[in-house]
Amino acid sequence: MPTHILATEGPRLAVISCAIRNTGGGWQLIDDTAHAPSGVTGVVQHPDHLELTHAVGAVRVSSMQVTVDEYYAARAVRCGVSVGLALSRIYLYSGTSMTPVDPATLVASAGNLWITGLLELA
């Protein structure tokens, strides 16, 4: 997967972005004619979170956002992310629950999570 770099005056920033989906076989990057991940190398499904791998050589986190699409928003799914330099953990919740749901239970042919982040490079 290519990594897009914002190279302006000051720190260089790697763009981390992708859409992910679970159609029944586990969460996967969407990489097709209409979707292109940047800086993300994979998604690992765990019982209480998703692990997004993005080993771009980051030295500092600037920001990261994970957003549910309209399919999951209508079903009261919300998410939070714990960001690291080479991987991030995405936790998914249902309604007002404070306990993460098993990501394997969220299956939809058209339901996505959208991820966008900026990581500072050396």
PDB file of N, CA and C in Angstrom:
ATOM      1  N   MET A   1       0.835  -1.166   0.000  1.00  0.00           N
ATOM      2  CA  MET A   1       0.000   0.000   0.000  1.00  0.00           C
ATOM      3  C   MET A   1       0.892   1.246   0.000  1.00  0.00           C
ATOM      4  N   PRO A   2       0.609   2.198  -0.844  1.00  0.00           N
ATOM      5  CA  PRO A   2       1.409   3.424  -0.816  1.00  0.00           C
ATOM      6  C   PRO A   2       1.089   4.256   0.425  1.00  0.00           C
ATOM      7  N   THR A   3       2.035   5.088   0.800  1.00  0.00           N
ATOM      8  CA  THR A   3       1.819   6.038   1.885  1.00  0.00           C
ATOM      9  C   THR A   3       1.946   7.432   1.289  1.00  0.00           C
ATOM     10  N   HIS A   4       0.930   8.238   1.450  1.00  0.00           N
ATOM     11  CA  HIS A   4       0.980   9.607   0.975  1.00  0.00           C
ATOM     12  C   HIS A   4       1.645  10.464   2.046  1.00  0.00           C
ATOM     13  N   ILE A   5       2.568  11.321   1.627  1.00  0.00           N
ATOM     14  CA  ILE A   5       3.320  12.168   2.547  1.00  0.00           C
ATOM     15  C   ILE A   5       2.980  13.625   2.260  1.00  0.00           C
ATOM     16  N   LEU A   6       2.624  14.348   3.316  1.00  0.00           N
ATOM     17  CA  LEU A   6       2.428  15.788   3.204  1.00  0.00           C
ATOM     18  C   LEU A   6       3.758  16.429   3.552  1.00  0.00           C
ATOM     19  N   ALA A   7       4.423  17.003   2.565  1.00  0.00           N
ATOM     20  CA  ALA A   7       5.749  17.581   2.774  1.00  0.00           C
ATOM     21  C   ALA A   7       5.659  19.095   2.590  1.00  0.00           C
ATOM     22  N   THR A   8       5.484  19.779   3.694  1.00  0.00           N
ATOM     23  CA  THR A   8       5.471  21.231   3.670  1.00  0.00           C
ATOM     24  C   THR A   8       6.584  21.712   4.577  1.00  0.00           C
ATOM     25  N   GLU A   9       6.651  22.999   4.815  1.00  0.00           N
ATOM     26  CA  GLU A   9       7.615  23.523   5.785  1.00  0.00           C
ATOM     27  C   GLU A   9       7.356  22.848   7.129  1.00  0.00           C
ATOM     28  N   GLY A  10       8.397  22.503   7.827  1.00  0.00           N
ATOM     29  CA  GLY A  10       8.237  21.865   9.133  1.00  0.00           C
ATOM     30  C   GLY A  10       8.145  20.357   9.004  1.00  0.00           C
ATOM     31  N   PRO A  11       7.487  19.709   9.978  1.00  0.00           N
ATOM     32  CA  PRO A  11       7.430  18.242  10.010  1.00  0.00           C
ATOM     33  C   PRO A  11       6.711  17.652   8.788  1.00  0.00           C
ATOM     34  N   ARG A  12       7.216  16.493   8.347  1.00  0.00           N
ATOM     35  CA  ARG A  12       6.530  15.738   7.297  1.00  0.00           C
ATOM     36  C   ARG A  12       5.475  14.873   7.962  1.00  0.00           C
ATOM     37  N   LEU A  13       4.314  14.776   7.338  1.00  0.00           N
ATOM     38  CA  LEU A  13       3.221  13.982   7.883  1.00  0.00           C
ATOM     39  C   LEU A  13       2.827  12.876   6.915  1.00  0.00           C
ATOM     40  N   ALA A  14       2.713  11.656   7.457  1.00  0.00           N
ATOM     41  CA  ALA A  14       2.212  10.530   6.671  1.00  0.00           C
ATOM     42  C   ALA A  14       0.690  10.498   6.813  1.00  0.00           C
ATOM     43  N   VAL A  15       0.009  10.342   5.689  1.00  0.00           N
ATOM     44  CA  VAL A  15      -1.445  10.222   5.705  1.00  0.00           C
ATOM     45  C   VAL A  15      -1.791   8.747   5.872  1.00  0.00           C
ATOM     46  N   ILE A  16      -2.508   8.442   6.952  1.00  0.00           N
ATOM     47  CA  ILE A  16      -3.004   7.095   7.206  1.00  0.00           C
ATOM     48  C   ILE A  16      -4.497   7.140   6.911  1.00  0.00           C
ATOM     49  N   SER A  17      -4.943   6.368   5.926  1.00  0.00           N
ATOM     50  CA  SER A  17      -6.370   6.400   5.613  1.00  0.00           C
ATOM     51  C   SER A  17      -6.789   5.093   4.948  1.00  0.00           C
ATOM     52  N   CYS A  18      -8.049   4.731   5.210  1.00  0.00           N
ATOM     53  CA  CYS A  18      -8.606   3.544   4.575  1.00  0.00           C
ATOM     54  C   CYS A  18     -10.078   3.410   4.951  1.00  0.00           C
ATOM     55  N   ALA A  19     -10.729   2.532   4.243  1.00  0.00           N
ATOM     56  CA  ALA A  19     -12.070   2.076   4.604  1.00  0.00           C
ATOM     57  C   ALA A  19     -11.937   0.583   4.877  1.00  0.00           C
ATOM     58  N   ILE A  20     -12.626   0.092   5.918  1.00  0.00           N
ATOM     59  CA  ILE A  20     -12.595  -1.334   6.224  1.00  0.00           C
ATOM     60  C   ILE A  20     -14.023  -1.853   6.334  1.00  0.00           C
ATOM     61  N   ARG A  21     -14.188  -3.150   6.055  1.00  0.00           N
ATOM     62  CA  ARG A  21     -15.528  -3.755   6.026  1.00  0.00           C
ATOM     63  C   ARG A  21     -15.429  -5.224   6.427  1.00  0.00           C
ATOM     64  N   ASN A  22     -16.511  -5.723   7.042  1.00  0.00           N
ATOM     65  CA  ASN A  22     -16.641  -7.140   7.368  1.00  0.00           C
ATOM     66  C   ASN A  22     -17.901  -7.671   6.684  1.00  0.00           C
ATOM     67  N   THR A  23     -17.714  -8.432   5.619  1.00  0.00           N
ATOM     68  CA  THR A  23     -18.863  -9.013   4.915  1.00  0.00           C
ATOM     69  C   THR A  23     -19.148 -10.435   5.377  1.00  0.00           C
ATOM     70  N   GLY A  24     -18.457 -10.878   6.428  1.00  0.00           N
ATOM     71  CA  GLY A  24     -18.686 -12.210   6.972  1.00  0.00           C
ATOM     72  C   GLY A  24     -17.420 -13.012   7.158  1.00  0.00           C
ATOM     73  N   GLY A  25     -16.347 -12.624   6.509  1.00  0.00           N
ATOM     74  CA  GLY A  25     -15.084 -13.345   6.620  1.00  0.00           C
ATOM     75  C   GLY A  25     -14.062 -12.621   7.470  1.00  0.00           C
ATOM     76  N   GLY A  26     -14.499 -11.639   8.263  1.00  0.00           N
ATOM     77  CA  GLY A  26     -13.583 -10.842   9.073  1.00  0.00           C
ATOM     78  C   GLY A  26     -13.348  -9.482   8.441  1.00  0.00           C
ATOM     79  N   TRP A  27     -12.863  -8.547   9.230  1.00  0.00           N
ATOM     80  CA  TRP A  27     -12.628  -7.188   8.774  1.00  0.00           C
ATOM     81  C   TRP A  27     -11.441  -7.137   7.827  1.00  0.00           C
ATOM     82  N   GLN A  28     -11.628  -6.446   6.696  1.00  0.00           N
ATOM     83  CA  GLN A  28     -10.600  -6.343   5.662  1.00  0.00           C
ATOM     84  C   GLN A  28     -10.508  -4.911   5.155  1.00  0.00           C
ATOM     85  N   LEU A  29      -9.324  -4.546   4.672  1.00  0.00           N
ATOM     86  CA  LEU A  29      -9.163  -3.282   3.966  1.00  0.00           C
ATOM     87  C   LEU A  29      -9.962  -3.340   2.671  1.00  0.00           C
ATOM     88  N   ILE A  30     -10.612  -2.254   2.318  1.00  0.00           N
ATOM     89  CA  ILE A  30     -11.246  -2.168   1.003  1.00  0.00           C
ATOM     90  C   ILE A  30     -10.212  -1.560   0.065  1.00  0.00           C
ATOM     91  N   ASP A  31      -9.798  -2.325  -0.913  1.00  0.00           N
ATOM     92  CA  ASP A  31      -8.775  -1.907  -1.870  1.00  0.00           C
ATOM     93  C   ASP A  31      -9.250  -2.358  -3.242  1.00  0.00           C
ATOM     94  N   ASP A  32      -9.942  -1.464  -3.935  1.00  0.00           N
ATOM     95  CA  ASP A  32     -10.506  -1.798  -5.236  1.00  0.00           C
ATOM     96  C   ASP A  32     -10.432  -0.574  -6.144  1.00  0.00           C
ATOM     97  N   THR A  33     -11.177  -0.569  -7.229  1.00  0.00           N
ATOM     98  CA  THR A  33     -11.100   0.546  -8.167  1.00  0.00           C
ATOM     99  C   THR A  33     -11.602   1.856  -7.572  1.00  0.00           C
ATOM    100  N   ALA A  34     -12.390   1.801  -6.504  1.00  0.00           N
ATOM    101  CA  ALA A  34     -12.959   3.014  -5.908  1.00  0.00           C
ATOM    102  C   ALA A  34     -12.360   3.367  -4.543  1.00  0.00           C
ATOM    103  N   HIS A  35     -11.534   2.489  -3.969  1.00  0.00           N
ATOM    104  CA  HIS A  35     -10.964   2.710  -2.637  1.00  0.00           C
ATOM    105  C   HIS A  35      -9.471   2.378  -2.657  1.00  0.00           C
ATOM    106  N   ALA A  36      -8.651   3.238  -2.032  1.00  0.00           N
ATOM    107  CA  ALA A  36      -7.210   2.999  -1.988  1.00  0.00           C
ATOM    108  C   ALA A  36      -6.659   3.374  -0.615  1.00  0.00           C
ATOM    109  N   PRO A  37      -6.242   2.382   0.166  1.00  0.00           N
ATOM    110  CA  PRO A  37      -5.638   2.684   1.465  1.00  0.00           C
ATOM    111  C   PRO A  37      -4.335   3.464   1.304  1.00  0.00           C
ATOM    112  N   SER A  38      -3.982   4.254   2.310  1.00  0.00           N
ATOM    113  CA  SER A  38      -2.713   4.972   2.332  1.00  0.00           C
ATOM    114  C   SER A  38      -2.015   4.671   3.655  1.00  0.00           C
ATOM    115  N   GLY A  39      -0.846   4.058   3.576  1.00  0.00           N
ATOM    116  CA  GLY A  39      -0.037   3.816   4.767  1.00  0.00           C
ATOM    117  C   GLY A  39      -0.497   2.688   5.661  1.00  0.00           C
ATOM    118  N   VAL A  40      -1.579   2.033   5.329  1.00  0.00           N
ATOM    119  CA  VAL A  40      -2.126   0.950   6.148  1.00  0.00           C
ATOM    120  C   VAL A  40      -1.778  -0.372   5.495  1.00  0.00           C
ATOM    121  N   THR A  41      -1.253  -1.304   6.303  1.00  0.00           N
ATOM    122  CA  THR A  41      -0.839  -2.592   5.741  1.00  0.00           C
ATOM    123  C   THR A  41      -1.766  -3.744   6.100  1.00  0.00           C
ATOM    124  N   GLY A  42      -2.660  -3.556   7.074  1.00  0.00           N
ATOM    125  CA  GLY A  42      -3.551  -4.653   7.405  1.00  0.00           C
ATOM    126  C   GLY A  42      -4.470  -4.360   8.568  1.00  0.00           C
ATOM    127  N   VAL A  43      -5.426  -5.271   8.737  1.00  0.00           N
ATOM    128  CA  VAL A  43      -6.372  -5.226   9.847  1.00  0.00           C
ATOM    129  C   VAL A  43      -6.351  -6.595  10.513  1.00  0.00           C
ATOM    130  N   VAL A  44      -6.178  -6.637  11.836  1.00  0.00           N
ATOM    131  CA  VAL A  44      -6.208  -7.879  12.596  1.00  0.00           C
ATOM    132  C   VAL A  44      -7.413  -7.809  13.524  1.00  0.00           C
ATOM    133  N   GLN A  45      -8.248  -8.823  13.461  1.00  0.00           N
ATOM    134  CA  GLN A  45      -9.462  -8.866  14.276  1.00  0.00           C
ATOM    135  C   GLN A  45      -9.188  -9.590  15.587  1.00  0.00           C
ATOM    136  N   HIS A  46      -9.498  -8.947  16.707  1.00  0.00           N
ATOM    137  CA  HIS A  46      -9.378  -9.525  18.042  1.00  0.00           C
ATOM    138  C   HIS A  46     -10.776  -9.608  18.646  1.00  0.00           C
ATOM    139  N   PRO A  47     -10.976 -10.353  19.737  1.00  0.00           N
ATOM    140  CA  PRO A  47     -12.314 -10.488  20.325  1.00  0.00           C
ATOM    141  C   PRO A  47     -12.931  -9.182  20.831  1.00  0.00           C
ATOM    142  N   ASP A  48     -12.100  -8.177  21.172  1.00  0.00           N
ATOM    143  CA  ASP A  48     -12.669  -6.933  21.682  1.00  0.00           C
ATOM    144  C   ASP A  48     -12.221  -5.677  20.932  1.00  0.00           C
ATOM    145  N   HIS A  49     -11.437  -5.826  19.871  1.00  0.00           N
ATOM    146  CA  HIS A  49     -11.009  -4.665  19.095  1.00  0.00           C
ATOM    147  C   HIS A  49     -10.447  -5.094  17.740  1.00  0.00           C
ATOM    148  N   LEU A  50     -10.252  -4.101  16.897  1.00  0.00           N
ATOM    149  CA  LEU A  50      -9.553  -4.292  15.627  1.00  0.00           C
ATOM    150  C   LEU A  50      -8.194  -3.632  15.740  1.00  0.00           C
ATOM    151  N   GLU A  51      -7.187  -4.268  15.173  1.00  0.00           N
ATOM    152  CA  GLU A  51      -5.841  -3.699  15.181  1.00  0.00           C
ATOM    153  C   GLU A  51      -5.495  -3.292  13.753  1.00  0.00           C
ATOM    154  N   LEU A  52      -5.219  -2.027  13.565  1.00  0.00           N
ATOM    155  CA  LEU A  52      -4.858  -1.489  12.265  1.00  0.00           C
ATOM    156  C   LEU A  52      -3.349  -1.305  12.235  1.00  0.00           C
ATOM    157  N   THR A  53      -2.664  -1.923  11.272  1.00  0.00           N
ATOM    158  CA  THR A  53      -1.207  -1.812  11.195  1.00  0.00           C
ATOM    159  C   THR A  53      -0.828  -0.731  10.182  1.00  0.00           C
ATOM    160  N   HIS A  54       0.095   0.141  10.614  1.00  0.00           N
ATOM    161  CA  HIS A  54       0.527   1.268   9.767  1.00  0.00           C
ATOM    162  C   HIS A  54       1.971   1.632  10.103  1.00  0.00           C
ATOM    163  N   ALA A  55       2.893   0.768   9.738  1.00  0.00           N
ATOM    164  CA  ALA A  55       4.315   0.967  10.038  1.00  0.00           C
ATOM    165  C   ALA A  55       4.944   1.889   8.996  1.00  0.00           C
ATOM    166  N   VAL A  56       4.747   3.200   9.176  1.00  0.00           N
ATOM    167  CA  VAL A  56       5.247   4.177   8.208  1.00  0.00           C
ATOM    168  C   VAL A  56       6.501   4.900   8.696  1.00  0.00           C
ATOM    169  N   GLY A  57       6.989   4.520   9.875  1.00  0.00           N
ATOM    170  CA  GLY A  57       8.156   5.181  10.441  1.00  0.00           C
ATOM    171  C   GLY A  57       7.803   6.417  11.246  1.00  0.00           C
ATOM    172  N   ALA A  58       6.644   6.433  11.853  1.00  0.00           N
ATOM    173  CA  ALA A  58       6.184   7.587  12.623  1.00  0.00           C
ATOM    174  C   ALA A  58       6.987   7.767  13.901  1.00  0.00           C
ATOM    175  N   VAL A  59       7.179   9.023  14.282  1.00  0.00           N
ATOM    176  CA  VAL A  59       7.845   9.347  15.542  1.00  0.00           C
ATOM    177  C   VAL A  59       6.889  10.043  16.505  1.00  0.00           C
ATOM    178  N   ARG A  60       5.736  10.495  15.996  1.00  0.00           N
ATOM    179  CA  ARG A  60       4.768  11.185  16.845  1.00  0.00           C
ATOM    180  C   ARG A  60       3.396  11.113  16.172  1.00  0.00           C
ATOM    181  N   VAL A  61       2.375  10.996  17.006  1.00  0.00           N
ATOM    182  CA  VAL A  61       1.000  10.983  16.512  1.00  0.00           C
ATOM    183  C   VAL A  61       0.486  12.414  16.460  1.00  0.00           C
ATOM    184  N   SER A  62      -0.073  12.782  15.329  1.00  0.00           N
ATOM    185  CA  SER A  62      -0.738  14.080  15.228  1.00  0.00           C
ATOM    186  C   SER A  62      -2.222  13.909  15.505  1.00  0.00           C
ATOM    187  N   SER A  63      -2.882  13.030  14.737  1.00  0.00           N
ATOM    188  CA  SER A  63      -4.311  12.793  14.952  1.00  0.00           C
ATOM    189  C   SER A  63      -4.736  11.506  14.268  1.00  0.00           C
ATOM    190  N   MET A  64      -5.862  10.969  14.701  1.00  0.00           N
ATOM    191  CA  MET A  64      -6.457   9.797  14.053  1.00  0.00           C
ATOM    192  C   MET A  64      -7.943   9.826  14.365  1.00  0.00           C
ATOM    193  N   GLN A  65      -8.749   9.601  13.351  1.00  0.00           N
ATOM    194  CA  GLN A  65     -10.195   9.554  13.519  1.00  0.00           C
ATOM    195  C   GLN A  65     -10.734   8.294  12.866  1.00  0.00           C
ATOM    196  N   VAL A  66     -11.696   7.677  13.542  1.00  0.00           N
ATOM    197  CA  VAL A  66     -12.414   6.534  12.978  1.00  0.00           C
ATOM    198  C   VAL A  66     -13.891   6.891  13.026  1.00  0.00           C
ATOM    199  N   THR A  67     -14.556   6.735  11.893  1.00  0.00           N
ATOM    200  CA  THR A  67     -15.954   7.112  11.783  1.00  0.00           C
ATOM    201  C   THR A  67     -16.756   5.955  11.198  1.00  0.00           C
ATOM    202  N   VAL A  68     -17.913   5.707  11.778  1.00  0.00           N
ATOM    203  CA  VAL A  68     -18.822   4.725  11.183  1.00  0.00           C
ATOM    204  C   VAL A  68     -19.536   5.383  10.009  1.00  0.00           C
ATOM    205  N   ASP A  69     -19.941   4.575   9.043  1.00  0.00           N
ATOM    206  CA  ASP A  69     -20.722   5.116   7.930  1.00  0.00           C
ATOM    207  C   ASP A  69     -22.198   5.172   8.315  1.00  0.00           C
ATOM    208  N   GLU A  70     -23.046   5.530   7.364  1.00  0.00           N
ATOM    209  CA  GLU A  70     -24.473   5.684   7.655  1.00  0.00           C
ATOM    210  C   GLU A  70     -25.134   4.372   8.057  1.00  0.00           C
ATOM    211  N   TYR A  71     -24.646   3.243   7.553  1.00  0.00           N
ATOM    212  CA  TYR A  71     -25.222   1.941   7.908  1.00  0.00           C
ATOM    213  C   TYR A  71     -25.052   1.692   9.413  1.00  0.00           C
ATOM    214  N   TYR A  72     -23.821   1.820   9.905  1.00  0.00           N
ATOM    215  CA  TYR A  72     -23.565   1.569  11.322  1.00  0.00           C
ATOM    216  C   TYR A  72     -24.081   2.703  12.215  1.00  0.00           C
ATOM    217  N   ALA A  73     -24.078   3.934  11.727  1.00  0.00           N
ATOM    218  CA  ALA A  73     -24.629   5.042  12.509  1.00  0.00           C
ATOM    219  C   ALA A  73     -26.115   4.812  12.788  1.00  0.00           C
ATOM    220  N   ALA A  74     -26.845   4.310  11.803  1.00  0.00           N
ATOM    221  CA  ALA A  74     -28.276   4.048  11.977  1.00  0.00           C
ATOM    222  C   ALA A  74     -28.529   2.920  12.968  1.00  0.00           C
ATOM    223  N   ARG A  75     -27.523   2.116  13.249  1.00  0.00           N
ATOM    224  CA  ARG A  75     -27.639   0.996  14.178  1.00  0.00           C
ATOM    225  C   ARG A  75     -26.955   1.286  15.515  1.00  0.00           C
ATOM    226  N   ALA A  76     -26.669   2.544  15.759  1.00  0.00           N
ATOM    227  CA  ALA A  76     -26.102   3.026  17.027  1.00  0.00           C
ATOM    228  C   ALA A  76     -24.740   2.419  17.350  1.00  0.00           C
ATOM    229  N   VAL A  77     -23.934   2.143  16.329  1.00  0.00           N
ATOM    230  CA  VAL A  77     -22.563   1.688  16.553  1.00  0.00           C
ATOM    231  C   VAL A  77     -21.685   2.930  16.648  1.00  0.00           C
ATOM    232  N   ARG A  78     -20.808   2.928  17.645  1.00  0.00           N
ATOM    233  CA  ARG A  78     -19.859   4.018  17.794  1.00  0.00           C
ATOM    234  C   ARG A  78     -18.483   3.415  18.015  1.00  0.00           C
ATOM    235  N   CYS A  79     -17.456   4.226  17.881  1.00  0.00           N
ATOM    236  CA  CYS A  79     -16.106   3.688  17.970  1.00  0.00           C
ATOM    237  C   CYS A  79     -15.160   4.673  18.635  1.00  0.00           C
ATOM    238  N   GLY A  80     -14.055   4.127  19.087  1.00  0.00           N
ATOM    239  CA  GLY A  80     -12.966   4.908  19.656  1.00  0.00           C
ATOM    240  C   GLY A  80     -11.660   4.277  19.232  1.00  0.00           C
ATOM    241  N   VAL A  81     -10.608   5.066  19.190  1.00  0.00           N
ATOM    242  CA  VAL A  81      -9.328   4.549  18.718  1.00  0.00           C
ATOM    243  C   VAL A  81      -8.217   4.911  19.694  1.00  0.00           C
ATOM    244  N   SER A  82      -7.327   3.951  19.939  1.00  0.00           N
ATOM    245  CA  SER A  82      -6.114   4.161  20.704  1.00  0.00           C
ATOM    246  C   SER A  82      -4.970   4.091  19.696  1.00  0.00           C
ATOM    247  N   VAL A  83      -4.282   5.208  19.492  1.00  0.00           N
ATOM    248  CA  VAL A  83      -3.330   5.333  18.381  1.00  0.00           C
ATOM    249  C   VAL A  83      -1.898   5.132  18.854  1.00  0.00           C
ATOM    250  N   GLY A  84      -1.152   4.360  18.074  1.00  0.00           N
ATOM    251  CA  GLY A  84       0.271   4.163  18.318  1.00  0.00           C
ATOM    252  C   GLY A  84       1.060   4.530  17.076  1.00  0.00           C
ATOM    253  N   LEU A  85       2.369   4.411  17.160  1.00  0.00           N
ATOM    254  CA  LEU A  85       3.226   4.789  16.040  1.00  0.00           C
ATOM    255  C   LEU A  85       3.176   3.795  14.881  1.00  0.00           C
ATOM    256  N   ALA A  86       2.963   2.507  15.168  1.00  0.00           N
ATOM    257  CA  ALA A  86       2.946   1.491  14.121  1.00  0.00           C
ATOM    258  C   ALA A  86       1.644   0.714  14.049  1.00  0.00           C
ATOM    259  N   LEU A  87       0.800   0.869  15.064  1.00  0.00           N
ATOM    260  CA  LEU A  87      -0.513   0.216  15.037  1.00  0.00           C
ATOM    261  C   LEU A  87      -1.480   0.994  15.897  1.00  0.00           C
ATOM    262  N   SER A  88      -2.754   0.836  15.576  1.00  0.00           N
ATOM    263  CA  SER A  88      -3.807   1.478  16.349  1.00  0.00           C
ATOM    264  C   SER A  88      -4.868   0.451  16.666  1.00  0.00           C
ATOM    265  N   ARG A  89      -5.518   0.620  17.799  1.00  0.00           N
ATOM    266  CA  ARG A  89      -6.591  -0.287  18.222  1.00  0.00           C
ATOM    267  C   ARG A  89      -7.921   0.445  18.138  1.00  0.00           C
ATOM    268  N   ILE A  90      -8.852  -0.155  17.416  1.00  0.00           N
ATOM    269  CA  ILE A  90     -10.181   0.418  17.231  1.00  0.00           C
ATOM    270  C   ILE A  90     -11.164  -0.394  18.058  1.00  0.00           C
ATOM    271  N   TYR A  91     -11.875   0.292  18.943  1.00  0.00           N
ATOM    272  CA  TYR A  91     -12.875  -0.345  19.795  1.00  0.00           C
ATOM    273  C   TYR A  91     -14.256   0.074  19.316  1.00  0.00           C
ATOM    274  N   LEU A  92     -15.160  -0.894  19.198  1.00  0.00           N
ATOM    275  CA  LEU A  92     -16.517  -0.649  18.716  1.00  0.00           C
ATOM    276  C   LEU A  92     -17.506  -0.899  19.841  1.00  0.00           C
ATOM    277  N   TYR A  93     -18.527  -0.059  19.919  1.00  0.00           N
ATOM    278  CA  TYR A  93     -19.524  -0.128  20.979  1.00  0.00           C
ATOM    279  C   TYR A  93     -20.924  -0.072  20.371  1.00  0.00           C
ATOM    280  N   SER A  94     -21.872  -0.649  21.078  1.00  0.00           N
ATOM    281  CA  SER A  94     -23.263  -0.637  20.645  1.00  0.00           C
ATOM    282  C   SER A  94     -24.087   0.214  21.606  1.00  0.00           C
ATOM    283  N   GLY A  95     -24.802   1.179  21.061  1.00  0.00           N
ATOM    284  CA  GLY A  95     -25.651   2.027  21.887  1.00  0.00           C
ATOM    285  C   GLY A  95     -24.864   2.732  22.963  1.00  0.00           C
ATOM    286  N   THR A  96     -25.349   2.659  24.199  1.00  0.00           N
ATOM    287  CA  THR A  96     -24.686   3.337  25.318  1.00  0.00           C
ATOM    288  C   THR A  96     -23.760   2.430  26.112  1.00  0.00           C
ATOM    289  N   SER A  97     -23.590   1.184  25.657  1.00  0.00           N
ATOM    290  CA  SER A  97     -22.739   0.238  26.370  1.00  0.00           C
ATOM    291  C   SER A  97     -21.309   0.757  26.472  1.00  0.00           C
ATOM    292  N   MET A  98     -20.674   0.462  27.610  1.00  0.00           N
ATOM    293  CA  MET A  98     -19.275   0.820  27.806  1.00  0.00           C
ATOM    294  C   MET A  98     -18.355  -0.378  27.582  1.00  0.00           C
ATOM    295  N   THR A  99     -18.929  -1.508  27.169  1.00  0.00           N
ATOM    296  CA  THR A  99     -18.165  -2.716  26.898  1.00  0.00           C
ATOM    297  C   THR A  99     -18.020  -2.884  25.388  1.00  0.00           C
ATOM    298  N   PRO A 100     -16.786  -3.018  24.899  1.00  0.00           N
ATOM    299  CA  PRO A 100     -16.619  -3.186  23.460  1.00  0.00           C
ATOM    300  C   PRO A 100     -17.325  -4.448  22.954  1.00  0.00           C
ATOM    301  N   VAL A 101     -17.873  -4.358  21.751  1.00  0.00           N
ATOM    302  CA  VAL A 101     -18.469  -5.532  21.122  1.00  0.00           C
ATOM    303  C   VAL A 101     -17.388  -6.307  20.381  1.00  0.00           C
ATOM    304  N   ASP A 102     -17.645  -7.569  20.151  1.00  0.00           N
ATOM    305  CA  ASP A 102     -16.748  -8.393  19.339  1.00  0.00           C
ATOM    306  C   ASP A 102     -16.905  -7.929  17.896  1.00  0.00           C
ATOM    307  N   PRO A 103     -15.839  -7.407  17.269  1.00  0.00           N
ATOM    308  CA  PRO A 103     -15.949  -6.913  15.897  1.00  0.00           C
ATOM    309  C   PRO A 103     -16.476  -7.961  14.913  1.00  0.00           C
ATOM    310  N   ALA A 104     -16.272  -9.242  15.210  1.00  0.00           N
ATOM    311  CA  ALA A 104     -16.746 -10.305  14.318  1.00  0.00           C
ATOM    312  C   ALA A 104     -18.263 -10.321  14.219  1.00  0.00           C
ATOM    313  N   THR A 105     -18.952  -9.752  15.221  1.00  0.00           N
ATOM    314  CA  THR A 105     -20.415  -9.761  15.218  1.00  0.00           C
ATOM    315  C   THR A 105     -21.004  -8.642  14.364  1.00  0.00           C
ATOM    316  N   LEU A 106     -20.177  -7.714  13.915  1.00  0.00           N
ATOM    317  CA  LEU A 106     -20.650  -6.618  13.068  1.00  0.00           C
ATOM    318  C   LEU A 106     -20.366  -6.973  11.615  1.00  0.00           C
ATOM    319  N   VAL A 107     -21.377  -7.449  10.944  1.00  0.00           N
ATOM    320  CA  VAL A 107     -21.248  -7.929   9.567  1.00  0.00           C
ATOM    321  C   VAL A 107     -22.235  -7.175   8.691  1.00  0.00           C
ATOM    322  N   ALA A 108     -21.764  -6.642   7.579  1.00  0.00           N
ATOM    323  CA  ALA A 108     -22.641  -5.934   6.645  1.00  0.00           C
ATOM    324  C   ALA A 108     -21.977  -5.879   5.277  1.00  0.00           C
ATOM    325  N   SER A 109     -22.760  -6.103   4.245  1.00  0.00           N
ATOM    326  CA  SER A 109     -22.202  -6.054   2.891  1.00  0.00           C
ATOM    327  C   SER A 109     -21.873  -4.638   2.456  1.00  0.00           C
ATOM    328  N   ALA A 110     -22.469  -3.638   3.117  1.00  0.00           N
ATOM    329  CA  ALA A 110     -22.206  -2.254   2.725  1.00  0.00           C
ATOM    330  C   ALA A 110     -21.886  -1.365   3.923  1.00  0.00           C
ATOM    331  N   GLY A 111     -21.579  -1.932   5.080  1.00  0.00           N
ATOM    332  CA  GLY A 111     -21.234  -1.140   6.262  1.00  0.00           C
ATOM    333  C   GLY A 111     -19.734  -0.988   6.384  1.00  0.00           C
ATOM    334  N   ASN A 112     -19.263   0.249   6.526  1.00  0.00           N
ATOM    335  CA  ASN A 112     -17.824   0.523   6.573  1.00  0.00           C
ATOM    336  C   ASN A 112     -17.435   1.296   7.818  1.00  0.00           C
ATOM    337  N   LEU A 113     -16.155   1.219   8.136  1.00  0.00           N
ATOM    338  CA  LEU A 113     -15.514   2.167   9.040  1.00  0.00           C
ATOM    339  C   LEU A 113     -14.539   2.966   8.180  1.00  0.00           C
ATOM    340  N   TRP A 114     -14.488   4.266   8.413  1.00  0.00           N
ATOM    341  CA  TRP A 114     -13.592   5.162   7.684  1.00  0.00           C
ATOM    342  C   TRP A 114     -12.517   5.649   8.643  1.00  0.00           C
ATOM    343  N   ILE A 115     -11.238   5.493   8.261  1.00  0.00           N
ATOM    344  CA  ILE A 115     -10.123   5.852   9.117  1.00  0.00           C
ATOM    345  C   ILE A 115      -9.272   6.913   8.415  1.00  0.00           C
ATOM    346  N   THR A 116      -8.938   7.978   9.141  1.00  0.00           N
ATOM    347  CA  THR A 116      -8.062   9.013   8.618  1.00  0.00           C
ATOM    348  C   THR A 116      -7.152   9.494   9.737  1.00  0.00           C
ATOM    349  N   GLY A 117      -5.863   9.549   9.464  1.00  0.00           N
ATOM    350  CA  GLY A 117      -4.931  10.014  10.476  1.00  0.00           C
ATOM    351  C   GLY A 117      -3.709  10.670   9.873  1.00  0.00           C
ATOM    352  N   LEU A 118      -3.025  11.424  10.712  1.00  0.00           N
ATOM    353  CA  LEU A 118      -1.762  12.064  10.337  1.00  0.00           C
ATOM    354  C   LEU A 118      -0.723  11.680  11.372  1.00  0.00           C
ATOM    355  N   LEU A 119       0.397  11.126  10.910  1.00  0.00           N
ATOM    356  CA  LEU A 119       1.480  10.730  11.795  1.00  0.00           C
ATOM    357  C   LEU A 119       2.746  11.473  11.370  1.00  0.00           C
ATOM    358  N   GLU A 120       3.429  12.060  12.340  1.00  0.00           N
ATOM    359  CA  GLU A 120       4.645  12.804  12.037  1.00  0.00           C
ATOM    360  C   GLU A 120       5.806  11.846  11.780  1.00  0.00           C
ATOM    361  N   LEU A 121       6.571  12.151  10.749  1.00  0.00           N
ATOM    362  CA  LEU A 121       7.729  11.346  10.379  1.00  0.00           C
ATOM    363  C   LEU A 121       9.015  12.022  10.848  1.00  0.00           C
ATOM    364  N   ALA A 122      10.074  11.223  10.954  1.00  0.00           N
ATOM    365  CA  ALA A 122      11.379  11.765  11.381  1.00  0.00           C
ATOM    366  C   ALA A 122      11.916  12.744  10.365  1.00  0.00           C
TER     367      ALA A 122
END
